[in-house]
C-alpha atoms as a PDB file:
ATOM      1  CA  MET A   1       0.000   0.000   0.000  1.00  0.00           C
ATOM      2  CA  ARG A   2       1.320   3.464  -0.902  1.00  0.00           C
ATOM      3  CA  VAL A   3       0.570   6.383   1.380  1.00  0.00           C
ATOM      4  CA  ASP A   4       2.056   9.831   0.784  1.00  0.00           C
ATOM      5  CA  PRO A   5       5.077  10.102   3.137  1.00  0.00           C
ATOM      6  CA  ALA A   6       4.613  13.880   3.249  1.00  0.00           C
ATOM      7  CA  VAL A   7       1.298  13.500   5.086  1.00  0.00           C
ATOM      8  CA  LEU A   8       1.339  13.336   8.905  1.00  0.00           C
ATOM      9  CA  ASP A   9      -2.139  12.780  10.293  1.00  0.00           C
ATOM     10  CA  PHE A  10      -1.331  13.220  13.979  1.00  0.00           C
ATOM     11  CA  GLU A  11      -0.719  16.696  15.342  1.00  0.00           C
ATOM     12  CA  TYR A  12       2.187  15.647  17.558  1.00  0.00           C
ATOM     13  CA  MET A  13       3.951  14.180  14.514  1.00  0.00           C
ATOM     14  CA  ARG A  14       3.642  17.540  12.791  1.00  0.00           C
ATOM     15  CA  HIS A  15       5.246  19.043  15.909  1.00  0.00           C
ATOM     16  CA  PHE A  16       8.101  16.551  15.515  1.00  0.00           C
ATOM     17  CA  ALA A  17       8.551  17.550  11.883  1.00  0.00           C
ATOM     18  CA  ALA A  18       8.440  21.273  12.693  1.00  0.00           C
ATOM     19  CA  ALA A  19      11.090  20.833  15.392  1.00  0.00           C
ATOM     20  CA  VAL A  20      13.407  19.087  12.938  1.00  0.00           C
ATOM     21  CA  GLU A  21      12.795  21.914  10.456  1.00  0.00           C
ATOM     22  CA  ALA A  22      13.711  24.446  13.176  1.00  0.00           C
ATOM     23  CA  TRP A  23      16.977  22.613  13.849  1.00  0.00           C
ATOM     24  CA  ASP A  24      20.163  22.802  11.802  1.00  0.00           C
ATOM     25  CA  ALA A  25      19.815  19.202  10.652  1.00  0.00           C
ATOM     26  CA  PRO A  26      22.838  17.582   8.996  1.00  0.00           C
ATOM     27  CA  ALA A  27      22.011  16.489   5.460  1.00  0.00           C
ATOM     28  CA  ARG A  28      23.299  12.974   6.197  1.00  0.00           C
ATOM     29  CA  MET A  29      21.878  12.751   9.706  1.00  0.00           C
ATOM     30  CA  LEU A  30      21.499   9.479  11.556  1.00  0.00           C
ATOM     31  CA  ALA A  31      18.262   9.267  13.550  1.00  0.00           C
ATOM     32  CA  LEU A  32      17.335   6.766  16.247  1.00  0.00           C
ATOM     33  CA  HIS A  33      13.582   6.254  16.676  1.00  0.00           C
ATOM     34  CA  VAL A  34      12.661   4.815  20.079  1.00  0.00           C
ATOM     35  CA  GLY A  35       9.195   3.351  19.639  1.00  0.00           C
ATOM     36  CA  ALA A  36       9.092   2.438  15.966  1.00  0.00           C
ATOM     37  CA  GLY A  37       5.361   1.730  15.714  1.00  0.00           C
ATOM     38  CA  VAL A  38       4.623   1.555  11.999  1.00  0.00           C
ATOM     39  CA  CYS A  39       7.640   3.798  11.242  1.00  0.00           C
ATOM     40  CA  THR A  40       5.566   6.812  10.198  1.00  0.00           C
ATOM     41  CA  MET A  41       8.129   9.392  11.330  1.00  0.00           C
ATOM     42  CA  ALA A  42      11.097   7.415  10.037  1.00  0.00           C
ATOM     43  CA  ARG A  43       9.390   7.163   6.645  1.00  0.00           C
ATOM     44  CA  HIS A  44       8.520  10.864   6.634  1.00  0.00           C
ATOM     45  CA  LEU A  45      12.008  12.030   7.586  1.00  0.00           C
ATOM     46  CA  ALA A  46      13.624   9.671   5.098  1.00  0.00           C
ATOM     47  CA  TRP A  47      11.439  11.290   2.416  1.00  0.00           C
ATOM     48  CA  ARG A  48      12.110  14.837   3.647  1.00  0.00           C
ATOM     49  CA  TYR A  49      15.869  14.322   4.074  1.00  0.00           C
ATOM     50  CA  PRO A  50      16.838  11.885   1.294  1.00  0.00           C
ATOM     51  CA  GLU A  51      20.428  11.403   2.499  1.00  0.00           C
ATOM     52  CA  SER A  52      19.414  10.644   6.079  1.00  0.00           C
ATOM     53  CA  ARG A  53      19.574   7.209   7.693  1.00  0.00           C
ATOM     54  CA  HIS A  54      17.279   5.818  10.365  1.00  0.00           C
ATOM     55  CA  ILE A  55      17.278   3.122  13.023  1.00  0.00           C
ATOM     56  CA  ALA A  56      13.856   2.280  14.453  1.00  0.00           C
ATOM     57  CA  VAL A  57      13.600   0.156  17.602  1.00  0.00           C
ATOM     58  CA  ASP A  58      10.479  -1.228  19.224  1.00  0.00           C
ATOM     59  CA  ILE A  59       9.896  -3.723  22.003  1.00  0.00           C
ATOM     60  CA  ASP A  60       7.157  -5.214  19.805  1.00  0.00           C
ATOM     61  CA  ALA A  61       8.939  -7.023  17.005  1.00  0.00           C
ATOM     62  CA  THR A  62       5.735  -7.787  15.106  1.00  0.00           C
ATOM     63  CA  LEU A  63       4.316  -4.343  14.379  1.00  0.00           C
ATOM     64  CA  PRO A  64       7.324  -2.829  12.585  1.00  0.00           C
ATOM     65  CA  GLU A  65       7.712  -5.938  10.456  1.00  0.00           C
ATOM     66  CA  LEU A  66       4.039  -5.776   9.527  1.00  0.00           C
ATOM     67  CA  ALA A  67       4.621  -2.143   8.589  1.00  0.00           C
ATOM     68  CA  ARG A  68       7.232  -3.330   6.087  1.00  0.00           C
ATOM     69  CA  GLN A  69       4.520  -5.432   4.464  1.00  0.00           C
ATOM     70  CA  TRP A  70       1.909  -2.669   4.515  1.00  0.00           C
ATOM     71  CA  TRP A  71       3.905   0.428   3.560  1.00  0.00           C
ATOM     72  CA  ASP A  72       6.666   1.203   1.093  1.00  0.00           C
ATOM     73  CA  LEU A  73       9.289   1.704   3.803  1.00  0.00           C
ATOM     74  CA  PRO A  74      12.892   2.444   2.838  1.00  0.00           C
ATOM     75  CA  ARG A  75      15.171  -0.578   2.994  1.00  0.00           C
ATOM     76  CA  ALA A  76      18.390  -0.986   4.954  1.00  0.00           C
ATOM     77  CA  PRO A  77      20.713   0.800   5.330  1.00  0.00           C
ATOM     78  CA  ARG A  78      18.371   3.794   4.952  1.00  0.00           C
ATOM     79  CA  LEU A  79      15.953   2.333   7.511  1.00  0.00           C
ATOM     80  CA  ARG A  80      16.887  -0.504   9.836  1.00  0.00           C
ATOM     81  CA  ILE A  81      14.240  -1.934  12.174  1.00  0.00           C
ATOM     82  CA  ARG A  82      15.190  -3.740  15.372  1.00  0.00           C
ATOM     83  CA  ALA A  83      13.303  -5.451  18.183  1.00  0.00           C
ATOM     84  CA  GLN A  84      14.859  -3.858  21.265  1.00  0.00           C
ATOM     85  CA  ASP A  85      13.968  -2.220  24.559  1.00  0.00           C
ATOM     86  CA  GLY A  86      13.986   1.568  24.323  1.00  0.00           C
ATOM     87  CA  LEU A  87      16.415   2.119  27.196  1.00  0.00           C
ATOM     88  CA  GLU A  88      18.786  -0.570  25.953  1.00  0.00           C
ATOM     89  CA  ALA A  89      18.748   1.022  22.507  1.00  0.00           C
ATOM     90  CA  LEU A  90      20.389   4.124  23.967  1.00  0.00           C
ATOM     91  CA  ALA A  91      22.526   2.444  26.623  1.00  0.00           C
ATOM     92  CA  ASP A  92      24.148   0.202  24.002  1.00  0.00           C
ATOM     93  CA  ARG A  93      25.225   3.064  21.748  1.00  0.00           C
ATOM     94  CA  HIS A  94      28.591   4.803  21.732  1.00  0.00           C
ATOM     95  CA  ASP A  95      28.941   8.448  22.731  1.00  0.00           C
ATOM     96  CA  ASP A  96      28.268  11.021  19.995  1.00  0.00           C
ATOM     97  CA  SER A  97      26.934   8.380  17.594  1.00  0.00           C
ATOM     98  CA  VAL A  98      23.596   9.802  16.357  1.00  0.00           C
ATOM     99  CA  ASP A  99      22.303  13.208  15.353  1.00  0.00           C
ATOM    100  CA  LEU A 100      18.649  12.839  16.295  1.00  0.00           C
ATOM    101  CA  VAL A 101      16.800  10.783  18.907  1.00  0.00           C
ATOM    102  CA  LEU A 102      13.037  10.656  18.569  1.00  0.00           C
ATOM    103  CA  ARG A 103      10.990   8.991  21.337  1.00  0.00           C
ATOM    104  CA  ASP A 104       7.416   7.914  20.678  1.00  0.00           C
ATOM    105  CA  ALA A 105       6.907   4.984  23.046  1.00  0.00           C
ATOM    106  CA  PHE A 106       3.859   4.362  25.193  1.00  0.00           C
ATOM    107  CA  SER A 107       2.415   1.862  27.610  1.00  0.00           C
ATOM    108  CA  GLU A 108      -1.310   2.521  27.253  1.00  0.00           C
ATOM    109  CA  ALA A 109      -1.558   6.338  27.438  1.00  0.00           C
ATOM    110  CA  LEU A 110       1.730   7.158  29.190  1.00  0.00           C
ATOM    111  CA  THR A 111       5.448   6.887  28.516  1.00  0.00           C
ATOM    112  CA  PRO A 112       7.008   3.901  30.322  1.00  0.00           C
ATOM    113  CA  PRO A 113       8.870   5.227  33.413  1.00  0.00           C
ATOM    114  CA  ALA A 114      12.151   3.668  32.250  1.00  0.00           C
ATOM    115  CA  LEU A 115      12.024   5.874  29.141  1.00  0.00           C
ATOM    116  CA  ALA A 116      11.064   9.061  30.959  1.00  0.00           C
ATOM    117  CA  GLY A 117      13.626   9.376  33.753  1.00  0.00           C
ATOM    118  CA  PRO A 118      17.165  10.639  34.314  1.00  0.00           C
ATOM    119  CA  GLU A 119      18.810   7.435  33.057  1.00  0.00           C
ATOM    120  CA  TRP A 120      17.098   7.563  29.652  1.00  0.00           C
ATOM    121  CA  TRP A 121      17.628  11.287  29.228  1.00  0.00           C
ATOM    122  CA  GLY A 122      21.245  10.992  30.368  1.00  0.00           C
ATOM    123  CA  HIS A 123      21.908   8.387  27.709  1.00  0.00           C
ATOM    124  CA  ALA A 124      20.075  10.507  25.144  1.00  0.00           C
ATOM    125  CA  GLN A 125      22.373  13.433  25.911  1.00  0.00           C
ATOM    126  CA  ARG A 126      25.421  11.166  25.750  1.00  0.00           C
ATOM    127  CA  VAL A 127      24.675   9.542  22.391  1.00  0.00           C
ATOM    128  CA  VAL A 128      23.730  12.646  20.399  1.00  0.00           C
ATOM    129  CA  ARG A 129      26.551  14.427  18.642  1.00  0.00           C
ATOM    130  CA  PRO A 130      27.325  18.075  19.477  1.00  0.00           C
ATOM    131  CA  GLY A 131      24.434  20.133  18.183  1.00  0.00           C
ATOM    132  CA  GLY A 132      22.174  17.077  18.176  1.00  0.00           C
ATOM    133  CA  LEU A 133      18.472  17.010  18.949  1.00  0.00           C
ATOM    134  CA  VAL A 134      16.172  14.867  21.108  1.00  0.00           C
ATOM    135  CA  LEU A 135      12.403  14.893  20.578  1.00  0.00           C
ATOM    136  CA  ALA A 136      10.053  13.158  22.995  1.00  0.00           C
ATOM    137  CA  ASN A 137       6.318  12.610  22.766  1.00  0.00           C
ATOM    138  CA  VAL A 138       4.840  13.033  26.258  1.00  0.00           C
ATOM    139  CA  GLY A 139       1.340  11.822  27.066  1.00  0.00           C
ATOM    140  CA  THR A 140      -0.467  13.784  29.742  1.00  0.00           C
ATOM    141  CA  ALA A 141      -3.964  14.064  31.183  1.00  0.00           C
ATOM    142  CA  PRO A 142      -5.742  16.035  33.901  1.00  0.00           C
ATOM    143  CA  GLY A 143      -4.712  14.748  37.304  1.00  0.00           C
ATOM    144  CA  THR A 144      -1.542  12.975  36.140  1.00  0.00           C
ATOM    145  CA  THR A 145       1.959  14.051  37.152  1.00  0.00           C
ATOM    146  CA  THR A 146       4.277  11.663  35.297  1.00  0.00           C
ATOM    147  CA  HIS A 147       5.111  14.345  32.748  1.00  0.00           C
ATOM    148  CA  LEU A 148       6.725  16.459  35.479  1.00  0.00           C
ATOM    149  CA  ALA A 149       9.551  13.981  36.069  1.00  0.00           C
ATOM    150  CA  ASP A 150       9.978  13.516  32.321  1.00  0.00           C
ATOM    151  CA  ALA A 151      10.383  17.247  31.696  1.00  0.00           C
ATOM    152  CA  ALA A 152      12.636  17.676  34.760  1.00  0.00           C
ATOM    153  CA  ALA A 153      14.947  14.908  33.536  1.00  0.00           C
ATOM    154  CA  ALA A 154      15.094  16.506  30.090  1.00  0.00           C
ATOM    155  CA  ARG A 155      16.123  19.842  31.591  1.00  0.00           C
ATOM    156  CA  GLU A 156      18.721  18.175  33.779  1.00  0.00           C
ATOM    157  CA  ALA A 157      20.333  16.646  30.686  1.00  0.00           C
ATOM    158  CA  PHE A 158      19.927  19.547  28.226  1.00  0.00           C
ATOM    159  CA  ALA A 159      20.407  23.292  28.615  1.00  0.00           C
ATOM    160  CA  ASN A 160      17.682  24.133  26.099  1.00  0.00           C
ATOM    161  CA  VAL A 161      14.275  22.459  26.305  1.00  0.00           C
ATOM    162  CA  VAL A 162      10.965  23.752  24.954  1.00  0.00           C
ATOM    163  CA  ALA A 163       7.550  22.130  24.764  1.00  0.00           C
ATOM    164  CA  VAL A 164       5.149  22.215  21.824  1.00  0.00           C
ATOM    165  CA  GLY A 165       1.507  21.321  22.180  1.00  0.00           C
ATOM    166  CA  GLU A 166      -2.075  22.414  22.445  1.00  0.00           C
ATOM    167  CA  PRO A 167      -2.346  25.073  25.193  1.00  0.00           C
ATOM    168  CA  ALA A 168      -5.234  23.325  26.956  1.00  0.00           C
ATOM    169  CA  VAL A 169      -3.204  20.113  27.106  1.00  0.00           C
ATOM    170  CA  MET A 170      -0.101  21.887  28.364  1.00  0.00           C
ATOM    171  CA  LYS A 171      -2.194  23.542  31.092  1.00  0.00           C
ATOM    172  CA  GLY A 172      -3.529  20.173  32.233  1.00  0.00           C
ATOM    173  CA  ARG A 173      -7.120  20.786  31.148  1.00  0.00           C
ATOM    174  CA  ARG A 174      -7.279  18.104  28.471  1.00  0.00           C
ATOM    175  CA  ARG A 175      -5.724  14.744  27.695  1.00  0.00           C
ATOM    176  CA  GLY A 176      -3.247  14.865  24.855  1.00  0.00           C
ATOM    177  CA  ASN A 177       0.343  14.931  23.680  1.00  0.00           C
ATOM    178  CA  VAL A 178       3.116  17.425  24.290  1.00  0.00           C
ATOM    179  CA  VAL A 179       6.406  17.257  22.401  1.00  0.00           C
ATOM    180  CA  LEU A 180       9.594  18.041  24.324  1.00  0.00           C
ATOM    181  CA  VAL A 181      12.300  19.538  22.116  1.00  0.00           C
ATOM    182  CA  ALA A 182      15.749  19.213  23.717  1.00  0.00           C
ATOM    183  CA  GLY A 183      18.643  20.871  21.912  1.00  0.00           C
ATOM    184  CA  ASP A 184      19.429  23.993  19.953  1.00  0.00           C
ATOM    185  CA  VAL A 185      16.515  24.923  17.714  1.00  0.00           C
ATOM    186  CA  ASP A 186      15.246  28.197  16.308  1.00  0.00           C
ATOM    187  CA  VAL A 187      12.443  28.905  18.773  1.00  0.00           C
ATOM    188  CA  HIS A 188      11.192  31.772  16.594  1.00  0.00           C
ATOM    189  CA  SER A 189      10.725  29.280  13.762  1.00  0.00           C
ATOM    190  CA  LEU A 190       8.768  27.006  16.081  1.00  0.00           C
ATOM    191  CA  ARG A 191       6.560  29.915  17.131  1.00  0.00           C
ATOM    192  CA  ARG A 192       5.870  30.764  13.484  1.00  0.00           C
ATOM    193  CA  TYR A 193       4.897  27.146  12.898  1.00  0.00           C
ATOM    194  CA  ALA A 194       2.628  27.211  15.963  1.00  0.00           C
ATOM    195  CA  ALA A 195       0.944  30.412  14.805  1.00  0.00           C
ATOM    196  CA  SER A 196      -0.043  28.803  11.494  1.00  0.00           C
ATOM    197  CA  ALA A 197      -0.864  25.306  12.762  1.00  0.00           C
ATOM    198  CA  PRO A 198      -4.384  23.987  12.026  1.00  0.00           C
ATOM    199  CA  LEU A 199      -5.118  23.525  15.746  1.00  0.00           C
ATOM    200  CA  PRO A 200      -4.239  25.923  18.588  1.00  0.00           C
ATOM    201  CA  THR A 201      -0.560  25.302  19.341  1.00  0.00           C
ATOM    202  CA  GLY A 202       1.773  26.804  21.910  1.00  0.00           C
ATOM    203  CA  VAL A 203       5.540  26.825  22.406  1.00  0.00           C
ATOM    204  CA  ASP A 204       6.517  26.967  26.083  1.00  0.00           C
ATOM    205  CA  PRO A 205      10.127  26.903  27.347  1.00  0.00           C
ATOM    206  CA  GLY A 206       8.892  26.609  30.932  1.00  0.00           C
ATOM    207  CA  TRP A 207       6.336  23.843  30.583  1.00  0.00           C
ATOM    208  CA  ALA A 208       6.100  21.473  33.579  1.00  0.00           C
ATOM    209  CA  SER A 209       8.951  23.235  35.397  1.00  0.00           C
END
């Protein structure tokens, strides 16, 4: 089945794409996707940055392989898919070995604690090259507090962290997704993206702090 790789149906995925656009991405970047799913973002970024390479890991070995049957995914070495735990995927890598880490891993509606604490974020900071970027999809809902530790760990590991999401979600009024952007990006570019986004979108450097 062919689906246009330029199309991202989920709002948080468009936030991911906008953050990469606001970053000084190397033309031949290597991206590690933690939580491969059906490889939507890996496929999109491989289309958008034709010289890029991608490694997608998922604890569920079945879904990514089914995605290879369903979609026209790039083949290795452009896109390699592995069955691996998301923390191990970072812990096993050498220092300064990837340009982009993108986390989109959930257990039901929330990020697994092992992927949202100081150990994961410390490894993320260690494995990205100087000037690298880490993007993390954070699930949050009224009355939950798990996102606080996630954001605190990101700020402990990175000097520059901003959040992108729907204002009502970021204020804890609605269930939804917030994208943490850790690294040096053009925040003005992100704000321009947010101003023209189809749904109300905010950019908040102080979210959950």
